[in-house]
Protein backbone atom coordinates (compact mmCIF):
# COMPACT_ATOMS: atom_id res chain seq x y z
CA UNK A 1 114.42 60.32 104.50
CA UNK A 2 113.37 62.97 107.01
CA UNK A 3 109.72 63.55 107.75
CA UNK A 4 109.00 67.18 108.57
CA UNK A 5 105.86 68.29 110.32
CA UNK A 6 105.17 71.73 111.76
CA UNK A 7 104.71 71.65 115.54
CA UNK A 8 104.60 75.34 116.36
CA UNK A 9 105.08 78.64 114.58
CA UNK A 10 105.49 81.98 116.33
CA UNK A 11 103.67 85.07 115.19
CA UNK A 12 104.46 87.14 112.15
CA UNK A 13 104.65 90.90 112.75
CA UNK A 14 104.61 93.42 109.90
CA UNK A 15 105.09 97.18 110.23
CA UNK A 16 104.66 99.52 107.24
CA UNK A 17 105.56 103.23 107.18
CA UNK A 18 105.49 105.69 104.32
CA UNK A 19 105.27 109.31 103.34
CA UNK A 20 104.28 111.30 100.27
CA UNK A 21 105.71 114.73 99.47
CA UNK A 22 105.89 117.36 96.73
CA UNK A 23 102.19 117.25 95.85
CA UNK A 24 102.33 113.46 96.21
CA UNK A 25 104.86 113.12 93.38
CA UNK A 26 107.44 111.53 95.71
CA UNK A 27 106.58 108.45 97.75
CA UNK A 28 109.00 106.78 100.17
CA UNK A 29 108.24 103.77 102.34
CA UNK A 30 109.66 100.94 104.39
CA UNK A 31 108.43 97.61 105.71
CA UNK A 32 109.66 95.44 108.57
CA UNK A 33 108.64 91.77 108.67
CA UNK A 34 109.50 89.69 111.73
CA UNK A 35 108.90 85.95 111.45
CA UNK A 36 109.10 84.09 114.76
CA UNK A 37 111.01 80.86 115.18
CA UNK A 38 109.37 77.47 114.81
CA UNK A 39 109.95 73.82 115.65
CA UNK A 40 109.59 70.91 113.25
CA UNK A 41 109.40 67.18 113.86
CA UNK A 42 112.12 65.22 112.08
CA UNK A 43 111.66 61.52 111.78
CA UNK A 44 110.24 59.97 114.92
CA UNK A 45 110.66 62.03 118.07
CA UNK A 46 113.44 64.46 117.14
CA UNK A 47 112.75 68.15 116.53
CA UNK A 48 114.54 70.91 114.68
CA UNK A 49 114.29 74.63 115.43
CA UNK A 50 113.99 77.17 112.64
CA UNK A 51 115.46 80.52 113.71
CA UNK A 52 113.40 83.71 113.82
CA UNK A 53 114.37 86.44 111.38
CA UNK A 54 113.54 90.06 110.61
CA UNK A 55 113.54 91.53 107.11
CA UNK A 56 113.56 95.22 106.15
CA UNK A 57 112.40 96.45 102.75
CA UNK A 58 112.43 99.98 101.31
CA UNK A 59 110.79 101.62 98.33
CA UNK A 60 110.65 104.98 96.61
CA UNK A 61 108.92 106.37 93.56
CA UNK A 62 108.77 109.72 91.83
CA UNK A 63 106.10 110.73 89.37
CA UNK A 64 107.62 113.09 86.78
CA UNK A 65 104.34 114.03 85.18
CA UNK A 66 100.97 112.52 84.33
CA UNK A 67 102.59 109.90 82.09
CA UNK A 68 105.91 108.91 83.64
CA UNK A 69 107.40 107.73 86.91
CA UNK A 70 110.56 106.12 88.27
CA UNK A 71 110.69 103.60 91.09
CA UNK A 72 113.17 101.69 93.23
CA UNK A 73 112.53 98.76 95.59
CA UNK A 74 115.05 97.13 97.91
CA UNK A 75 114.08 93.79 99.43
CA UNK A 76 116.04 92.38 102.39
CA UNK A 77 117.82 95.70 102.88
CA UNK A 78 120.18 94.35 105.56
CA UNK A 79 120.98 91.20 103.53
CA UNK A 80 119.90 88.78 106.28
CA UNK A 81 120.51 85.07 105.61
CA UNK A 82 117.26 83.24 106.39
CA UNK A 83 115.32 80.12 105.59
CA UNK A 84 111.62 80.87 105.01
CA UNK A 85 108.98 78.60 106.48
CA UNK A 86 107.31 76.42 103.84
CA UNK A 87 104.65 73.78 104.03
CA UNK A 88 105.29 70.28 102.80
CA UNK A 89 108.60 68.50 102.41
CA UNK A 90 110.75 70.90 100.42
CA UNK A 91 114.00 70.65 102.32
CA UNK A 92 116.02 73.67 103.39
CA UNK A 93 115.57 76.63 101.07
CA UNK A 94 117.45 79.88 101.42
CA UNK A 95 115.52 83.15 101.17
CA UNK A 96 116.50 85.84 98.70
CA UNK A 97 119.40 88.07 99.60
CA UNK A 98 119.37 91.83 99.08
CA UNK A 99 117.48 92.48 95.85
CA UNK A 100 117.33 95.92 94.20
CA UNK A 101 114.81 96.67 91.48
CA UNK A 102 114.74 99.97 89.59
CA UNK A 103 112.61 101.00 86.68
CA UNK A 104 110.62 103.52 84.73
CA UNK A 105 106.93 103.35 83.94
CA UNK A 106 104.96 105.22 81.34
CA UNK A 107 101.38 105.31 80.21
CA UNK A 108 99.86 106.90 77.15
């Protein structure tokens, strides 16, 4: 049984950009998240290094009229394989691959 304890975690950096156009009917944006590497204690005296990773996400939406809109979100745009940092003993978990969500919304 491995005992994992966080020793050090590098900074997280997030950058968001976006623009609205056509009387604010169209919105387009992107996010970059960089998670620095970290070291964990394993057992008694050994350490393991968790690699740093950078994720890019994109989104767009278009409002047709007062009542309807369409949207699209893409998470992990570059399909990076990564293992997110978690607290507690959860073992190695793999982060989500590229995920695309599209939809329509309406209100009345």
